[in-house]
Amino acid sequence: MNTNMTLPDWFNGTLYKKGGLVHNRFGGDSIELNNVELSMYDYIMGATIIMEMGLSNDRSIKTLRKGLNWFRKNNPKAYMVLLD
């Protein structure tokens, strides 16, 4: 796990002070995320919910993809457990 990671400039969510254990919403597998990863994960899940509700636009889809790419690059194992 990269302990020096930072959130990208385009991220406009909340940076949490603490990380936590996150469970895959479909399979139940879990993995521990640091505060930066958890912040991005929740941002991705919020964008996913907006998309599932049919409220997405080109900008929200683009930021969702950016978030997924960020996660894939910064913690591939967590990406596979939670988002793949």
N, C-alpha and C. Protein backbone atom coordinates (compact mmCIF):
# COMPACT_ATOMS: atom_id res chain seq x y z
N MET A 1 0.84 -1.18 0.00
CA MET A 1 0.00 0.00 0.00
C MET A 1 0.88 1.24 0.00
N ASN A 2 0.56 2.18 -0.83
CA ASN A 2 1.32 3.43 -0.95
C ASN A 2 0.91 4.38 0.18
N THR A 3 1.81 4.62 1.13
CA THR A 3 1.47 5.47 2.26
C THR A 3 1.68 6.96 1.97
N ASN A 4 2.27 7.28 0.83
CA ASN A 4 2.51 8.67 0.46
C ASN A 4 1.54 9.16 -0.61
N MET A 5 0.46 8.45 -0.81
CA MET A 5 -0.45 8.82 -1.89
C MET A 5 -1.22 10.09 -1.56
N THR A 6 -1.60 10.78 -2.60
CA THR A 6 -2.41 11.99 -2.47
C THR A 6 -3.57 11.89 -3.44
N LEU A 7 -4.56 12.68 -3.18
CA LEU A 7 -5.71 12.74 -4.08
C LEU A 7 -5.40 13.69 -5.23
N PRO A 8 -5.93 13.41 -6.41
CA PRO A 8 -5.67 14.27 -7.57
C PRO A 8 -6.34 15.63 -7.44
N ASP A 9 -5.88 16.58 -8.22
CA ASP A 9 -6.43 17.95 -8.19
C ASP A 9 -7.91 18.00 -8.51
N TRP A 10 -8.38 17.11 -9.37
CA TRP A 10 -9.78 17.13 -9.79
C TRP A 10 -10.73 16.60 -8.72
N PHE A 11 -10.21 15.93 -7.71
CA PHE A 11 -11.04 15.35 -6.64
C PHE A 11 -11.68 16.47 -5.85
N ASN A 12 -13.00 16.47 -5.75
CA ASN A 12 -13.68 17.52 -5.00
C ASN A 12 -14.55 16.94 -3.88
N GLY A 13 -14.16 15.77 -3.40
CA GLY A 13 -14.85 15.14 -2.29
C GLY A 13 -14.21 15.50 -0.96
N THR A 14 -14.54 14.75 0.06
CA THR A 14 -14.02 14.96 1.40
C THR A 14 -12.83 14.05 1.65
N LEU A 15 -11.75 14.61 2.17
CA LEU A 15 -10.60 13.82 2.58
C LEU A 15 -10.81 13.43 4.04
N TYR A 16 -10.97 12.12 4.27
CA TYR A 16 -11.19 11.62 5.63
C TYR A 16 -9.90 11.64 6.43
N LYS A 17 -10.04 11.70 7.74
CA LYS A 17 -8.88 11.66 8.63
C LYS A 17 -8.44 10.23 8.90
N LYS A 18 -9.37 9.28 8.80
CA LYS A 18 -9.08 7.88 9.09
C LYS A 18 -9.57 6.99 7.94
N GLY A 19 -8.94 5.85 7.82
CA GLY A 19 -9.38 4.84 6.87
C GLY A 19 -10.33 3.87 7.55
N GLY A 20 -10.53 2.71 6.92
CA GLY A 20 -11.42 1.73 7.52
C GLY A 20 -11.54 0.48 6.67
N LEU A 21 -12.23 -0.50 7.22
CA LEU A 21 -12.49 -1.75 6.53
C LEU A 21 -13.70 -1.57 5.62
N VAL A 22 -13.55 -1.95 4.35
CA VAL A 22 -14.64 -1.79 3.38
C VAL A 22 -14.99 -3.16 2.81
N HIS A 23 -16.29 -3.41 2.67
CA HIS A 23 -16.80 -4.67 2.13
C HIS A 23 -17.32 -4.46 0.72
N ASN A 24 -17.03 -5.39 -0.16
CA ASN A 24 -17.58 -5.37 -1.50
C ASN A 24 -19.10 -5.48 -1.39
N ARG A 25 -19.81 -4.61 -2.06
CA ARG A 25 -21.27 -4.56 -1.91
C ARG A 25 -21.97 -5.74 -2.56
N PHE A 26 -21.28 -6.50 -3.38
CA PHE A 26 -21.90 -7.65 -4.03
C PHE A 26 -21.42 -8.98 -3.44
N GLY A 27 -20.11 -9.14 -3.31
CA GLY A 27 -19.57 -10.42 -2.88
C GLY A 27 -19.25 -10.53 -1.41
N GLY A 28 -19.13 -9.40 -0.73
CA GLY A 28 -18.85 -9.41 0.69
C GLY A 28 -17.38 -9.46 1.07
N ASP A 29 -16.47 -9.63 0.09
CA ASP A 29 -15.04 -9.60 0.40
C ASP A 29 -14.72 -8.24 0.99
N SER A 30 -13.67 -8.18 1.81
CA SER A 30 -13.34 -6.91 2.44
C SER A 30 -11.85 -6.64 2.38
N ILE A 31 -11.51 -5.36 2.53
CA ILE A 31 -10.11 -4.94 2.53
C ILE A 31 -10.01 -3.63 3.31
N GLU A 32 -8.88 -3.46 3.97
CA GLU A 32 -8.62 -2.24 4.74
C GLU A 32 -8.11 -1.14 3.80
N LEU A 33 -8.68 0.04 3.91
CA LEU A 33 -8.25 1.19 3.12
C LEU A 33 -7.72 2.28 4.04
N ASN A 34 -6.70 3.00 3.56
CA ASN A 34 -6.24 4.15 4.34
C ASN A 34 -7.21 5.32 4.10
N ASN A 35 -6.95 6.43 4.74
CA ASN A 35 -7.87 7.57 4.66
C ASN A 35 -8.02 8.11 3.23
N VAL A 36 -6.95 8.15 2.47
CA VAL A 36 -7.00 8.66 1.10
C VAL A 36 -7.80 7.70 0.21
N GLU A 37 -7.51 6.41 0.34
CA GLU A 37 -8.23 5.41 -0.46
C GLU A 37 -9.72 5.39 -0.12
N LEU A 38 -10.04 5.48 1.16
CA LEU A 38 -11.44 5.48 1.57
C LEU A 38 -12.16 6.72 1.04
N SER A 39 -11.49 7.84 1.04
CA SER A 39 -12.08 9.06 0.49
C SER A 39 -12.41 8.88 -0.98
N MET A 40 -11.47 8.33 -1.74
CA MET A 40 -11.71 8.09 -3.17
C MET A 40 -12.76 7.01 -3.39
N TYR A 41 -12.73 5.97 -2.58
CA TYR A 41 -13.72 4.90 -2.71
C TYR A 41 -15.13 5.45 -2.54
N ASP A 42 -15.35 6.23 -1.50
CA ASP A 42 -16.68 6.81 -1.28
C ASP A 42 -17.07 7.76 -2.40
N TYR A 43 -16.12 8.49 -2.94
CA TYR A 43 -16.37 9.36 -4.08
C TYR A 43 -16.84 8.54 -5.28
N ILE A 44 -16.15 7.43 -5.54
CA ILE A 44 -16.51 6.53 -6.64
C ILE A 44 -17.90 5.94 -6.41
N MET A 45 -18.18 5.51 -5.19
CA MET A 45 -19.48 4.91 -4.91
C MET A 45 -20.60 5.93 -5.05
N GLY A 46 -20.35 7.17 -4.65
CA GLY A 46 -21.36 8.22 -4.85
C GLY A 46 -21.64 8.45 -6.32
N ALA A 47 -20.59 8.50 -7.12
CA ALA A 47 -20.76 8.67 -8.57
C ALA A 47 -21.48 7.48 -9.18
N THR A 48 -21.20 6.29 -8.66
CA THR A 48 -21.87 5.08 -9.15
C THR A 48 -23.37 5.12 -8.85
N ILE A 49 -23.72 5.54 -7.66
CA ILE A 49 -25.13 5.64 -7.27
C ILE A 49 -25.85 6.65 -8.16
N ILE A 50 -25.21 7.78 -8.42
CA ILE A 50 -25.81 8.79 -9.31
C ILE A 50 -26.06 8.19 -10.69
N MET A 51 -25.09 7.44 -11.18
CA MET A 51 -25.22 6.82 -12.49
C MET A 51 -26.34 5.78 -12.49
N GLU A 52 -26.42 4.96 -11.44
CA GLU A 52 -27.46 3.93 -11.35
C GLU A 52 -28.86 4.54 -11.25
N MET A 53 -28.95 5.75 -10.72
CA MET A 53 -30.24 6.43 -10.61
C MET A 53 -30.63 7.12 -11.92
N GLY A 54 -29.73 7.10 -12.88
CA GLY A 54 -30.00 7.74 -14.16
C GLY A 54 -29.82 9.24 -14.13
N LEU A 55 -29.09 9.74 -13.16
CA LEU A 55 -28.90 11.18 -13.01
C LEU A 55 -27.53 11.65 -13.50
N SER A 56 -26.78 10.76 -14.12
CA SER A 56 -25.42 11.11 -14.52
C SER A 56 -25.41 11.95 -15.79
N ASN A 57 -24.30 12.64 -15.96
CA ASN A 57 -24.05 13.39 -17.18
C ASN A 57 -22.62 13.08 -17.62
N ASP A 58 -22.17 13.69 -18.69
CA ASP A 58 -20.83 13.40 -19.20
C ASP A 58 -19.76 13.69 -18.16
N ARG A 59 -19.93 14.75 -17.40
CA ARG A 59 -18.93 15.12 -16.39
C ARG A 59 -18.86 14.08 -15.28
N SER A 60 -20.01 13.62 -14.78
CA SER A 60 -19.99 12.65 -13.69
C SER A 60 -19.45 11.30 -14.16
N ILE A 61 -19.73 10.93 -15.38
CA ILE A 61 -19.19 9.68 -15.92
C ILE A 61 -17.68 9.79 -16.08
N LYS A 62 -17.21 10.94 -16.53
CA LYS A 62 -15.78 11.17 -16.71
C LYS A 62 -15.05 11.11 -15.36
N THR A 63 -15.62 11.74 -14.33
CA THR A 63 -14.97 11.70 -13.02
C THR A 63 -15.03 10.31 -12.41
N LEU A 64 -16.09 9.56 -12.67
CA LEU A 64 -16.15 8.17 -12.20
C LEU A 64 -15.02 7.37 -12.81
N ARG A 65 -14.81 7.51 -14.10
CA ARG A 65 -13.71 6.79 -14.77
C ARG A 65 -12.35 7.22 -14.23
N LYS A 66 -12.19 8.52 -13.98
CA LYS A 66 -10.93 9.01 -13.42
C LYS A 66 -10.70 8.39 -12.04
N GLY A 67 -11.75 8.32 -11.25
CA GLY A 67 -11.64 7.72 -9.92
C GLY A 67 -11.27 6.25 -9.97
N LEU A 68 -11.89 5.52 -10.87
CA LEU A 68 -11.56 4.11 -11.03
C LEU A 68 -10.12 3.93 -11.49
N ASN A 69 -9.69 4.76 -12.43
CA ASN A 69 -8.30 4.69 -12.90
C ASN A 69 -7.32 5.02 -11.78
N TRP A 70 -7.64 6.03 -10.97
CA TRP A 70 -6.80 6.40 -9.84
C TRP A 70 -6.66 5.21 -8.90
N PHE A 71 -7.79 4.57 -8.59
CA PHE A 71 -7.78 3.45 -7.66
C PHE A 71 -7.00 2.27 -8.23
N ARG A 72 -7.21 2.00 -9.51
CA ARG A 72 -6.52 0.89 -10.17
C ARG A 72 -5.00 1.08 -10.10
N LYS A 73 -4.55 2.31 -10.25
CA LYS A 73 -3.12 2.63 -10.23
C LYS A 73 -2.55 2.61 -8.82
N ASN A 74 -3.28 3.16 -7.85
CA ASN A 74 -2.74 3.35 -6.51
C ASN A 74 -2.91 2.16 -5.58
N ASN A 75 -3.90 1.33 -5.81
CA ASN A 75 -4.07 0.13 -4.99
C ASN A 75 -4.79 -0.94 -5.81
N PRO A 76 -4.04 -1.60 -6.71
CA PRO A 76 -4.66 -2.60 -7.59
C PRO A 76 -5.36 -3.73 -6.84
N LYS A 77 -4.81 -4.13 -5.70
CA LYS A 77 -5.43 -5.22 -4.93
C LYS A 77 -6.81 -4.79 -4.43
N ALA A 78 -6.89 -3.61 -3.84
CA ALA A 78 -8.18 -3.12 -3.34
C ALA A 78 -9.15 -2.90 -4.49
N TYR A 79 -8.64 -2.43 -5.63
CA TYR A 79 -9.49 -2.25 -6.80
C TYR A 79 -10.13 -3.58 -7.18
N MET A 80 -9.32 -4.65 -7.21
CA MET A 80 -9.85 -5.97 -7.59
C MET A 80 -10.88 -6.48 -6.59
N VAL A 81 -10.67 -6.22 -5.31
CA VAL A 81 -11.58 -6.69 -4.28
C VAL A 81 -12.89 -5.90 -4.28
N LEU A 82 -12.80 -4.59 -4.46
CA LEU A 82 -13.97 -3.74 -4.25
C LEU A 82 -14.66 -3.25 -5.54
N LEU A 83 -13.91 -3.05 -6.60
CA LEU A 83 -14.45 -2.29 -7.73
C LEU A 83 -14.45 -3.03 -9.07
N ASP A 84 -13.75 -4.14 -9.17
CA ASP A 84 -13.66 -4.84 -10.44
C ASP A 84 -14.88 -5.70 -10.69
